[in-house]
Structure formats: structure tokens, C-alpha cells
Amino acid sequence: MLLIADCVRYTDIHMKNNDWGISKYPLVLGHEGVGVVRKVGSSAKGLNKIGDRVGITVLVPGSEIDSCGCCDPCMEGRENMEVEG
């Protein structure tokens, strides 16, 4: 993906300051970006095609927006409805 825009929120400041004790440096701040698909791997299924605009979010383990990555909502790309985290 070619990242076009990204947002820095207070969560990123917490990571910069290692307020949760989980930061690993060097650290790139920002999450909830938007971009354009540049390449699709051969094992990708049901994903976007080259040239599509996409939105991404990075869920930070240990923060208020962590996710398990294993439950049905996470596996369906709906981490905001996550049950376990």
C-alpha cells in the first residue's frame, strides 16, 4: 500500500513517551491511515485490487484499542466489535 495520509492522535503520544511500557524504538507514529493498493500477494483472498483506495487502522496491544485478532469480529475485519480485548 502507498500511504497517502495518516493521523497522529494522543495514543501515538502515549507510545512516543512509552506511557504503557510497551514501546519499541525506533517508532513510527500514526495510525488510521489511507492509501492506495500497490501490490496484492498471491495468497491474498477477498482483498482489494491494485489501484483501490483503502483505509487502515493499527491496533496497539495493551492500549484502549487492543484486539485479540482471533475472534469472529477480528477475523472479519471488525476489530471495533471485538469481544476478547
Protein backbone atom coordinates (compact mmCIF):
# COMPACT_ATOMS: atom_id res chain seq x y z
CA MET A 1 0.00 0.00 0.00
CA LEU A 2 1.14 3.51 -0.75
CA LEU A 3 0.31 5.60 2.32
CA ILE A 4 -1.24 8.92 1.32
CA ALA A 5 -2.36 10.32 4.66
CA ASP A 6 -2.05 9.32 8.30
CA CYS A 7 -3.28 10.76 11.54
CA VAL A 8 -1.41 11.23 14.79
CA ARG A 9 -3.61 11.02 17.85
CA TYR A 10 -2.95 11.12 21.56
CA THR A 11 -2.49 7.35 21.53
CA ASP A 12 0.62 7.97 19.44
CA ILE A 13 1.94 10.43 22.03
CA HIS A 14 1.47 7.74 24.71
CA MET A 15 3.52 5.37 22.53
CA LYS A 16 6.19 8.03 21.92
CA ASN A 17 6.50 8.58 25.67
CA ASN A 18 6.28 4.84 26.44
CA ASP A 19 3.44 5.57 28.88
CA TRP A 20 2.22 1.96 28.66
CA GLY A 21 5.69 0.43 28.86
CA ILE A 22 5.32 -1.42 25.52
CA SER A 23 7.01 0.95 23.05
CA LYS A 24 9.89 -0.34 20.95
CA TYR A 25 12.14 2.20 19.29
CA PRO A 26 12.65 3.37 16.63
CA LEU A 27 8.94 4.10 16.46
CA VAL A 28 6.83 5.45 13.61
CA LEU A 29 3.90 7.46 14.92
CA GLY A 30 0.46 7.45 13.37
CA HIS A 31 -2.42 5.13 12.66
CA GLU A 32 -5.74 5.19 10.85
CA GLY A 33 -4.15 5.93 7.51
CA VAL A 34 -5.48 5.91 3.98
CA GLY A 35 -3.71 4.88 0.84
CA VAL A 36 -3.78 3.06 -2.48
CA VAL A 37 -3.18 -0.65 -3.03
CA ARG A 38 0.12 -1.04 -4.92
CA LYS A 39 0.53 -4.82 -4.84
CA VAL A 40 -1.59 -7.84 -3.91
CA GLY A 41 0.16 -11.01 -2.77
CA SER A 42 -0.65 -14.37 -4.35
CA SER A 43 -2.15 -15.70 -1.11
CA ALA A 44 -4.45 -12.69 -0.58
CA LYS A 45 -8.10 -13.64 -0.90
CA GLY A 46 -11.10 -11.33 -0.92
CA LEU A 47 -8.96 -8.23 -0.70
CA ASN A 48 -8.79 -5.09 -2.75
CA LYS A 49 -7.20 -4.86 -6.18
CA ILE A 50 -4.31 -2.66 -7.34
CA GLY A 51 -5.35 0.99 -7.51
CA ASP A 52 -8.16 0.70 -4.94
CA ARG A 53 -8.28 3.26 -2.13
CA VAL A 54 -8.08 1.64 1.29
CA GLY A 55 -8.22 2.66 4.92
CA ILE A 56 -6.15 1.06 7.65
CA THR A 57 -6.01 1.13 11.39
CA VAL A 58 -3.23 -0.11 13.61
CA LEU A 59 -4.46 -1.61 16.85
CA VAL A 60 -1.91 -1.25 19.63
CA PRO A 61 -1.79 -4.23 22.04
CA GLY A 62 -2.13 -3.03 25.62
CA SER A 63 -3.89 0.22 24.73
CA GLU A 64 -7.56 1.05 24.94
CA ILE A 65 -7.96 -0.15 21.36
CA ASP A 66 -6.23 -3.52 21.54
CA SER A 67 -7.73 -6.56 19.86
CA CYS A 68 -7.23 -10.30 20.12
CA GLY A 69 -7.08 -10.83 16.35
CA CYS A 70 -8.70 -14.26 16.76
CA CYS A 71 -12.42 -13.84 17.46
CA ASP A 72 -15.07 -13.69 14.71
CA PRO A 73 -15.28 -9.85 14.58
CA CYS A 74 -11.47 -9.56 14.33
CA MET A 75 -11.29 -12.21 11.62
CA GLU A 76 -13.99 -10.32 9.70
CA GLY A 77 -12.09 -7.02 9.91
CA ARG A 78 -14.45 -5.56 12.52
CA GLU A 79 -12.00 -5.11 15.42
CA ASN A 80 -14.18 -2.33 16.80
CA MET A 81 -16.74 -5.04 17.66
CA GLU A 82 -14.08 -7.27 19.24
CA VAL A 83 -15.18 -9.44 22.16
CA GLU A 84 -11.95 -10.53 23.90
CA GLY A 85 -9.66 -7.48 24.05
